[in-house]
Amino acid sequence: MAIITYGIEYDGKTIGDGKTQTDGMEQPVYYWDPVASQAE
């Protein structure tokens, strides 16, 4: 079974194979892209 992900590790490397699409799988309806902001 193939897994698709948009995940990125803290060091910038992709999670898993880095595949964001593959045959037989749908794209996500929502995609969460958290942004770490600096504390003031």
PDB file of N, CA and C in Angstrom:
ATOM      1  N   MET A   1       0.845  -1.189   0.000  1.00  0.00           N
ATOM      2  CA  MET A   1       0.000   0.000   0.000  1.00  0.00           C
ATOM      3  C   MET A   1       0.886   1.248   0.000  1.00  0.00           C
ATOM      4  N   ALA A   2       0.633   2.146  -0.906  1.00  0.00           N
ATOM      5  CA  ALA A   2       1.394   3.389  -1.000  1.00  0.00           C
ATOM      6  C   ALA A   2       0.773   4.447  -0.089  1.00  0.00           C
ATOM      7  N   ILE A   3       1.611   5.227   0.525  1.00  0.00           N
ATOM      8  CA  ILE A   3       1.163   6.323   1.381  1.00  0.00           C
ATOM      9  C   ILE A   3       1.605   7.632   0.742  1.00  0.00           C
ATOM     10  N   ILE A   4       0.698   8.611   0.716  1.00  0.00           N
ATOM     11  CA  ILE A   4       1.072   9.937   0.242  1.00  0.00           C
ATOM     12  C   ILE A   4       1.025  10.894   1.422  1.00  0.00           C
ATOM     13  N   THR A   5       1.910  11.855   1.415  1.00  0.00           N
ATOM     14  CA  THR A   5       2.001  12.785   2.533  1.00  0.00           C
ATOM     15  C   THR A   5       2.601  14.107   2.079  1.00  0.00           C
ATOM     16  N   TYR A   6       2.246  15.157   2.772  1.00  0.00           N
ATOM     17  CA  TYR A   6       2.868  16.462   2.570  1.00  0.00           C
ATOM     18  C   TYR A   6       3.788  16.784   3.742  1.00  0.00           C
ATOM     19  N   GLY A   7       4.030  15.810   4.583  1.00  0.00           N
ATOM     20  CA  GLY A   7       4.791  16.025   5.802  1.00  0.00           C
ATOM     21  C   GLY A   7       6.250  16.362   5.559  1.00  0.00           C
ATOM     22  N   ILE A   8       6.742  17.280   6.385  1.00  0.00           N
ATOM     23  CA  ILE A   8       8.153  17.673   6.346  1.00  0.00           C
ATOM     24  C   ILE A   8       8.674  17.672   7.776  1.00  0.00           C
ATOM     25  N   GLU A   9       9.821  17.040   7.979  1.00  0.00           N
ATOM     26  CA  GLU A   9      10.450  17.008   9.294  1.00  0.00           C
ATOM     27  C   GLU A   9      11.002  18.389   9.645  1.00  0.00           C
ATOM     28  N   TYR A  10      11.331  18.603  10.906  1.00  0.00           N
ATOM     29  CA  TYR A  10      11.864  19.893  11.349  1.00  0.00           C
ATOM     30  C   TYR A  10      13.167  20.257  10.653  1.00  0.00           C
ATOM     31  N   ASP A  11      13.927  19.237  10.235  1.00  0.00           N
ATOM     32  CA  ASP A  11      15.197  19.516   9.557  1.00  0.00           C
ATOM     33  C   ASP A  11      15.025  19.716   8.048  1.00  0.00           C
ATOM     34  N   GLY A  12      13.775  19.687   7.559  1.00  0.00           N
ATOM     35  CA  GLY A  12      13.495  19.953   6.154  1.00  0.00           C
ATOM     36  C   GLY A  12      13.345  18.724   5.281  1.00  0.00           C
ATOM     37  N   LYS A  13      13.671  17.552   5.817  1.00  0.00           N
ATOM     38  CA  LYS A  13      13.539  16.324   5.038  1.00  0.00           C
ATOM     39  C   LYS A  13      12.069  15.920   4.939  1.00  0.00           C
ATOM     40  N   THR A  14      11.711  15.260   3.832  1.00  0.00           N
ATOM     41  CA  THR A  14      10.336  14.803   3.669  1.00  0.00           C
ATOM     42  C   THR A  14      10.075  13.578   4.541  1.00  0.00           C
ATOM     43  N   ILE A  15       8.822  13.392   4.906  1.00  0.00           N
ATOM     44  CA  ILE A  15       8.415  12.216   5.664  1.00  0.00           C
ATOM     45  C   ILE A  15       8.055  11.128   4.664  1.00  0.00           C
ATOM     46  N   GLY A  16       8.526   9.933   4.893  1.00  0.00           N
ATOM     47  CA  GLY A  16       8.279   8.832   3.966  1.00  0.00           C
ATOM     48  C   GLY A  16       9.026   9.030   2.667  1.00  0.00           C
ATOM     49  N   ASP A  17       8.399   8.625   1.568  1.00  0.00           N
ATOM     50  CA  ASP A  17       9.031   8.749   0.249  1.00  0.00           C
ATOM     51  C   ASP A  17       8.891  10.147  -0.330  1.00  0.00           C
ATOM     52  N   GLY A  18       8.101  10.985   0.309  1.00  0.00           N
ATOM     53  CA  GLY A  18       7.892  12.335  -0.188  1.00  0.00           C
ATOM     54  C   GLY A  18       6.889  12.408  -1.328  1.00  0.00           C
ATOM     55  N   LYS A  19       6.134  11.321  -1.542  1.00  0.00           N
ATOM     56  CA  LYS A  19       5.131  11.309  -2.615  1.00  0.00           C
ATOM     57  C   LYS A  19       3.902  12.086  -2.173  1.00  0.00           C
ATOM     58  N   THR A  20       3.435  12.982  -3.044  1.00  0.00           N
ATOM     59  CA  THR A  20       2.236  13.757  -2.744  1.00  0.00           C
ATOM     60  C   THR A  20       1.055  13.323  -3.593  1.00  0.00           C
ATOM     61  N   GLN A  21       1.270  12.376  -4.499  1.00  0.00           N
ATOM     62  CA  GLN A  21       0.165  11.818  -5.281  1.00  0.00           C
ATOM     63  C   GLN A  21       0.559  10.454  -5.810  1.00  0.00           C
ATOM     64  N   THR A  22      -0.434   9.603  -6.011  1.00  0.00           N
ATOM     65  CA  THR A  22      -0.221   8.284  -6.598  1.00  0.00           C
ATOM     66  C   THR A  22      -1.555   7.777  -7.122  1.00  0.00           C
ATOM     67  N   ASP A  23      -1.501   6.877  -8.057  1.00  0.00           N
ATOM     68  CA  ASP A  23      -2.721   6.333  -8.639  1.00  0.00           C
ATOM     69  C   ASP A  23      -3.578   5.656  -7.579  1.00  0.00           C
ATOM     70  N   GLY A  24      -4.889   5.872  -7.647  1.00  0.00           N
ATOM     71  CA  GLY A  24      -5.816   5.221  -6.726  1.00  0.00           C
ATOM     72  C   GLY A  24      -6.016   5.956  -5.411  1.00  0.00           C
ATOM     73  N   MET A  25      -5.351   7.076  -5.206  1.00  0.00           N
ATOM     74  CA  MET A  25      -5.518   7.841  -3.968  1.00  0.00           C
ATOM     75  C   MET A  25      -5.953   9.258  -4.306  1.00  0.00           C
ATOM     76  N   GLU A  26      -6.798   9.827  -3.458  1.00  0.00           N
ATOM     77  CA  GLU A  26      -7.303  11.185  -3.667  1.00  0.00           C
ATOM     78  C   GLU A  26      -6.492  12.187  -2.867  1.00  0.00           C
ATOM     79  N   GLN A  27      -6.496  13.427  -3.337  1.00  0.00           N
ATOM     80  CA  GLN A  27      -5.851  14.511  -2.609  1.00  0.00           C
ATOM     81  C   GLN A  27      -6.719  14.894  -1.410  1.00  0.00           C
ATOM     82  N   PRO A  28      -6.117  15.414  -0.369  1.00  0.00           N
ATOM     83  CA  PRO A  28      -6.900  15.805   0.805  1.00  0.00           C
ATOM     84  C   PRO A  28      -7.823  16.983   0.500  1.00  0.00           C
ATOM     85  N   VAL A  29      -8.938  17.029   1.205  1.00  0.00           N
ATOM     86  CA  VAL A  29      -9.862  18.152   1.070  1.00  0.00           C
ATOM     87  C   VAL A  29      -9.267  19.373   1.755  1.00  0.00           C
ATOM     88  N   TYR A  30      -8.648  19.163   2.911  1.00  0.00           N
ATOM     89  CA  TYR A  30      -7.991  20.231   3.665  1.00  0.00           C
ATOM     90  C   TYR A  30      -6.543  19.849   3.890  1.00  0.00           C
ATOM     91  N   TYR A  31      -5.696  20.854   3.939  1.00  0.00           N
ATOM     92  CA  TYR A  31      -4.264  20.645   4.179  1.00  0.00           C
ATOM     93  C   TYR A  31      -3.822  21.653   5.222  1.00  0.00           C
ATOM     94  N   TRP A  32      -3.334  21.182   6.347  1.00  0.00           N
ATOM     95  CA  TRP A  32      -2.906  22.042   7.446  1.00  0.00           C
ATOM     96  C   TRP A  32      -1.431  22.344   7.284  1.00  0.00           C
ATOM     97  N   ASP A  33      -1.095  23.613   7.221  1.00  0.00           N
ATOM     98  CA  ASP A  33       0.289  24.051   7.091  1.00  0.00           C
ATOM     99  C   ASP A  33       0.614  24.957   8.274  1.00  0.00           C
ATOM    100  N   PRO A  34       0.969  24.363   9.409  1.00  0.00           N
ATOM    101  CA  PRO A  34       1.222  25.200  10.588  1.00  0.00           C
ATOM    102  C   PRO A  34       2.468  26.068  10.407  1.00  0.00           C
ATOM    103  N   VAL A  35       2.406  27.248  10.955  1.00  0.00           N
ATOM    104  CA  VAL A  35       3.529  28.173  10.885  1.00  0.00           C
ATOM    105  C   VAL A  35       3.961  28.473  12.319  1.00  0.00           C
ATOM    106  N   ALA A  36       5.186  28.179  12.581  1.00  0.00           N
ATOM    107  CA  ALA A  36       5.731  28.484  13.914  1.00  0.00           C
ATOM    108  C   ALA A  36       6.180  29.938  13.923  1.00  0.00           C
ATOM    109  N   SER A  37       5.562  30.719  14.771  1.00  0.00           N
ATOM    110  CA  SER A  37       5.934  32.128  14.844  1.00  0.00           C
ATOM    111  C   SER A  37       6.771  32.401  16.085  1.00  0.00           C
ATOM    112  N   GLN A  38       7.508  33.445  16.032  1.00  0.00           N
ATOM    113  CA  GLN A  38       8.349  33.818  17.156  1.00  0.00           C
ATOM    114  C   GLN A  38       7.500  34.475  18.241  1.00  0.00           C
ATOM    115  N   ALA A  39       7.860  34.191  19.469  1.00  0.00           N
ATOM    116  CA  ALA A  39       7.173  34.829  20.594  1.00  0.00           C
ATOM    117  C   ALA A  39       7.626  36.281  20.696  1.00  0.00           C
ATOM    118  N   GLU A  40       6.699  37.133  21.032  1.00  0.00           N
ATOM    119  CA  GLU A  40       7.048  38.551  21.159  1.00  0.00           C
ATOM    120  C   GLU A  40       7.450  38.888  22.569  1.00  0.00           C
TER     121      GLU A  40
END
